[in-house]
């Protein structure tokens, strides 16, 4: 009569440990992916806000530059001659 090995006799502790490790790895991977998605949303919104601030700063700078140039051009630089 041949003896047959049941999977629980041979692979029980090893299989249980492997399953625990794989479940831990899957749970950790899912948590990291969730965090990465959240941070990506923050990065995109921060990038958009910075881009809007840069456009506003360039616009204000351009308006001030034009204003200063027109003011500088209206200054009379003719010196009166002594006589």
N, C-alpha and C. Protein backbone atom coordinates (compact mmCIF):
# COMPACT_ATOMS: atom_id res chain seq x y z
N UNK A 1 0.83 -1.17 0.00
CA UNK A 1 0.00 0.00 0.00
C UNK A 1 0.89 1.25 0.00
N UNK A 2 0.68 2.08 -0.97
CA UNK A 2 1.49 3.30 -1.10
C UNK A 2 0.87 4.41 -0.27
N UNK A 3 1.74 5.17 0.32
CA UNK A 3 1.24 6.31 1.10
C UNK A 3 1.19 7.53 0.21
N UNK A 4 0.15 8.24 0.28
CA UNK A 4 0.02 9.47 -0.50
C UNK A 4 0.18 10.66 0.45
N UNK A 5 0.88 11.65 -0.04
CA UNK A 5 1.09 12.85 0.76
C UNK A 5 -0.02 13.84 0.49
N UNK A 6 -0.56 14.34 1.52
CA UNK A 6 -1.55 15.39 1.36
C UNK A 6 -0.83 16.74 1.26
N UNK A 7 -1.38 17.70 0.52
CA UNK A 7 -0.71 19.00 0.40
C UNK A 7 -0.52 19.69 1.75
N UNK A 8 -1.40 19.45 2.69
CA UNK A 8 -1.25 20.11 3.98
C UNK A 8 -0.09 19.54 4.77
N UNK A 9 0.27 18.28 4.52
CA UNK A 9 1.39 17.68 5.24
C UNK A 9 2.71 18.27 4.80
N UNK A 10 2.87 18.46 3.49
CA UNK A 10 4.16 18.90 2.96
C UNK A 10 4.26 20.41 2.81
N UNK A 11 3.25 21.01 2.28
CA UNK A 11 3.33 22.41 1.90
C UNK A 11 2.62 23.36 2.87
N UNK A 12 2.04 22.87 3.92
CA UNK A 12 1.23 23.69 4.82
C UNK A 12 1.91 24.95 5.32
N UNK A 13 2.99 24.82 6.11
CA UNK A 13 3.61 26.03 6.65
C UNK A 13 4.22 26.91 5.57
N UNK A 14 4.85 26.29 4.57
CA UNK A 14 5.49 27.07 3.51
C UNK A 14 4.45 27.80 2.67
N UNK A 15 3.37 27.11 2.32
CA UNK A 15 2.32 27.72 1.53
C UNK A 15 1.63 28.84 2.31
N UNK A 16 1.38 28.61 3.58
CA UNK A 16 0.74 29.64 4.39
C UNK A 16 1.62 30.89 4.49
N UNK A 17 2.92 30.70 4.65
CA UNK A 17 3.84 31.84 4.72
C UNK A 17 3.87 32.57 3.39
N UNK A 18 3.90 31.82 2.30
CA UNK A 18 3.92 32.45 0.98
C UNK A 18 2.65 33.25 0.72
N UNK A 19 1.53 32.70 1.11
CA UNK A 19 0.25 33.41 0.93
C UNK A 19 0.23 34.67 1.76
N UNK A 20 0.72 34.60 3.01
CA UNK A 20 0.77 35.81 3.85
C UNK A 20 1.65 36.88 3.24
N UNK A 21 2.81 36.47 2.73
CA UNK A 21 3.73 37.44 2.12
C UNK A 21 3.11 38.06 0.89
N UNK A 22 2.48 37.26 0.06
CA UNK A 22 1.85 37.80 -1.15
C UNK A 22 0.69 38.73 -0.82
N UNK A 23 -0.09 38.40 0.19
CA UNK A 23 -1.19 39.28 0.59
C UNK A 23 -0.65 40.59 1.15
N UNK A 24 0.43 40.52 1.92
CA UNK A 24 1.06 41.72 2.46
C UNK A 24 1.58 42.59 1.31
N UNK A 25 2.26 41.95 0.35
CA UNK A 25 2.80 42.68 -0.79
C UNK A 25 1.67 43.34 -1.59
N UNK A 26 0.58 42.64 -1.82
CA UNK A 26 -0.55 43.18 -2.58
C UNK A 26 -1.17 44.37 -1.85
N UNK A 27 -1.35 44.24 -0.52
CA UNK A 27 -1.93 45.32 0.28
C UNK A 27 -1.00 46.55 0.27
N UNK A 28 0.31 46.35 0.42
CA UNK A 28 1.27 47.45 0.40
C UNK A 28 1.28 48.14 -0.96
N UNK A 29 1.25 47.34 -2.03
CA UNK A 29 1.25 47.91 -3.38
C UNK A 29 0.00 48.76 -3.63
N UNK A 30 -1.16 48.26 -3.16
CA UNK A 30 -2.40 49.00 -3.32
C UNK A 30 -2.36 50.31 -2.55
N UNK A 31 -1.82 50.31 -1.33
CA UNK A 31 -1.70 51.53 -0.54
C UNK A 31 -0.78 52.54 -1.21
N UNK A 32 0.35 52.06 -1.74
CA UNK A 32 1.29 52.97 -2.41
C UNK A 32 0.69 53.58 -3.68
N UNK A 33 -0.06 52.77 -4.43
CA UNK A 33 -0.70 53.30 -5.63
C UNK A 33 -1.77 54.33 -5.27
N UNK A 34 -2.48 54.10 -4.18
CA UNK A 34 -3.49 55.07 -3.73
C UNK A 34 -2.83 56.38 -3.34
N UNK A 35 -1.74 56.28 -2.60
CA UNK A 35 -1.02 57.51 -2.21
C UNK A 35 -0.45 58.23 -3.42
N UNK A 36 0.07 57.48 -4.39
CA UNK A 36 0.65 58.10 -5.58
C UNK A 36 -0.42 58.84 -6.37
N UNK A 37 -1.62 58.28 -6.46
CA UNK A 37 -2.70 58.96 -7.17
C UNK A 37 -3.07 60.25 -6.46
N UNK A 38 -3.15 60.23 -5.15
CA UNK A 38 -3.48 61.43 -4.40
C UNK A 38 -2.43 62.51 -4.60
N UNK A 39 -1.14 62.14 -4.54
CA UNK A 39 -0.08 63.12 -4.71
C UNK A 39 -0.05 63.66 -6.13
N UNK A 40 -0.36 62.82 -7.10
CA UNK A 40 -0.39 63.31 -8.47
C UNK A 40 -1.45 64.38 -8.63
N UNK A 41 -2.58 64.22 -8.02
CA UNK A 41 -3.62 65.25 -8.09
C UNK A 41 -3.15 66.55 -7.48
N UNK A 42 -2.43 66.47 -6.35
CA UNK A 42 -1.90 67.67 -5.72
C UNK A 42 -0.86 68.33 -6.62
N UNK A 43 -0.02 67.53 -7.24
CA UNK A 43 1.02 68.09 -8.11
C UNK A 43 0.40 68.80 -9.30
N UNK A 44 -0.61 68.20 -9.91
CA UNK A 44 -1.25 68.83 -11.05
C UNK A 44 -1.93 70.14 -10.66
N UNK A 45 -2.62 70.16 -9.53
CA UNK A 45 -3.29 71.40 -9.12
C UNK A 45 -2.27 72.47 -8.75
N UNK A 46 -1.17 72.07 -8.11
CA UNK A 46 -0.13 73.05 -7.78
C UNK A 46 0.53 73.59 -9.04
N UNK A 47 0.75 72.74 -10.01
CA UNK A 47 1.36 73.19 -11.27
C UNK A 47 0.44 74.17 -11.99
N UNK A 48 -0.84 73.91 -12.00
CA UNK A 48 -1.79 74.81 -12.65
C UNK A 48 -1.82 76.15 -11.93
N UNK A 49 -1.82 76.13 -10.60
CA UNK A 49 -1.84 77.39 -9.84
C UNK A 49 -0.56 78.19 -10.09
N UNK A 50 0.59 77.53 -10.15
CA UNK A 50 1.85 78.23 -10.43
C UNK A 50 1.82 78.82 -11.83
N UNK A 51 1.30 78.08 -12.80
CA UNK A 51 1.23 78.59 -14.18
C UNK A 51 0.33 79.82 -14.25
N UNK A 52 -0.79 79.81 -13.54
CA UNK A 52 -1.68 80.97 -13.53
C UNK A 52 -0.99 82.16 -12.89
N UNK A 53 -0.27 81.93 -11.79
CA UNK A 53 0.45 83.02 -11.12
C UNK A 53 1.54 83.61 -12.02
N UNK A 54 2.22 82.76 -12.77
CA UNK A 54 3.26 83.24 -13.69
C UNK A 54 2.64 84.09 -14.80
N UNK A 55 1.52 83.66 -15.35
CA UNK A 55 0.85 84.45 -16.40
C UNK A 55 0.42 85.81 -15.86
N UNK A 56 -0.13 85.84 -14.65
CA UNK A 56 -0.54 87.11 -14.06
C UNK A 56 0.67 88.00 -13.83
N UNK A 57 1.77 87.43 -13.33
CA UNK A 57 2.98 88.23 -13.07
C UNK A 57 3.55 88.80 -14.37
N UNK A 58 3.57 88.02 -15.42
CA UNK A 58 4.08 88.51 -16.71
C UNK A 58 3.18 89.62 -17.25
N UNK A 59 1.87 89.46 -17.10
CA UNK A 59 0.93 90.48 -17.57
C UNK A 59 1.12 91.79 -16.81
N UNK A 60 1.21 91.70 -15.49
CA UNK A 60 1.41 92.92 -14.68
C UNK A 60 2.75 93.55 -15.01
N UNK A 61 3.78 92.73 -15.18
CA UNK A 61 5.10 93.26 -15.56
C UNK A 61 5.06 93.97 -16.90
N UNK A 62 4.36 93.40 -17.86
CA UNK A 62 4.25 94.04 -19.18
C UNK A 62 3.51 95.36 -19.11
N UNK A 63 2.43 95.41 -18.31
CA UNK A 63 1.68 96.66 -18.16
C UNK A 63 2.55 97.74 -17.52
N UNK A 64 3.27 97.37 -16.47
CA UNK A 64 4.15 98.35 -15.81
C UNK A 64 5.28 98.81 -16.74
N UNK A 65 5.83 97.90 -17.54
CA UNK A 65 6.89 98.27 -18.47
C UNK A 65 6.40 99.29 -19.49
N UNK A 66 5.23 99.06 -20.05
CA UNK A 66 4.67 100.00 -21.03
C UNK A 66 4.40 101.35 -20.35
N UNK A 67 3.87 101.31 -19.14
CA UNK A 67 3.56 102.55 -18.42
C UNK A 67 4.84 103.35 -18.15
N UNK A 68 5.89 102.67 -17.69
CA UNK A 68 7.15 103.37 -17.41
C UNK A 68 7.80 103.89 -18.68
N UNK A 69 7.71 103.15 -19.77
CA UNK A 69 8.30 103.61 -21.03
C UNK A 69 7.60 104.86 -21.54
N UNK A 70 6.28 104.87 -21.49
CA UNK A 70 5.56 106.07 -21.98
C UNK A 70 5.84 107.26 -21.07
N UNK A 71 5.97 107.02 -19.77
CA UNK A 71 6.29 108.11 -18.87
C UNK A 71 7.70 108.64 -19.13
N UNK A 72 8.64 107.72 -19.38
CA UNK A 72 10.02 108.13 -19.64
C UNK A 72 10.12 108.88 -20.96
N UNK A 73 9.34 108.50 -21.96
CA UNK A 73 9.38 109.19 -23.25
C UNK A 73 8.76 110.59 -23.17
N UNK A 74 7.87 110.81 -22.20
CA UNK A 74 7.24 112.12 -22.10
C UNK A 74 8.07 113.13 -21.31
N UNK A 75 9.20 112.70 -20.76
CA UNK A 75 10.08 113.63 -20.02
C UNK A 75 10.83 114.49 -21.02
N UNK A 76 10.82 115.81 -20.78
CA UNK A 76 11.51 116.74 -21.65
C UNK A 76 12.99 116.73 -21.31
N UNK A 77 13.81 116.40 -22.30
CA UNK A 77 15.27 116.32 -22.08
C UNK A 77 15.99 117.51 -22.69
N UNK A 78 15.27 118.48 -23.25
CA UNK A 78 15.93 119.66 -23.83
C UNK A 78 16.39 120.58 -22.69
N UNK A 79 17.64 120.91 -22.73
CA UNK A 79 18.16 121.84 -21.71
C UNK A 79 18.09 123.25 -22.28
N UNK A 80 17.66 124.16 -21.47
CA UNK A 80 17.61 125.54 -21.98
C UNK A 80 19.02 126.11 -22.15
N UNK A 81 19.18 126.88 -23.20
CA UNK A 81 20.50 127.47 -23.45
C UNK A 81 20.63 128.77 -22.65
N UNK A 82 21.79 128.94 -22.11
CA UNK A 82 22.04 130.16 -21.30
C UNK A 82 22.19 131.37 -22.21
N UNK A 83 21.63 132.45 -21.85
CA UNK A 83 21.75 133.53 -22.77
C UNK A 83 21.68 134.83 -22.27
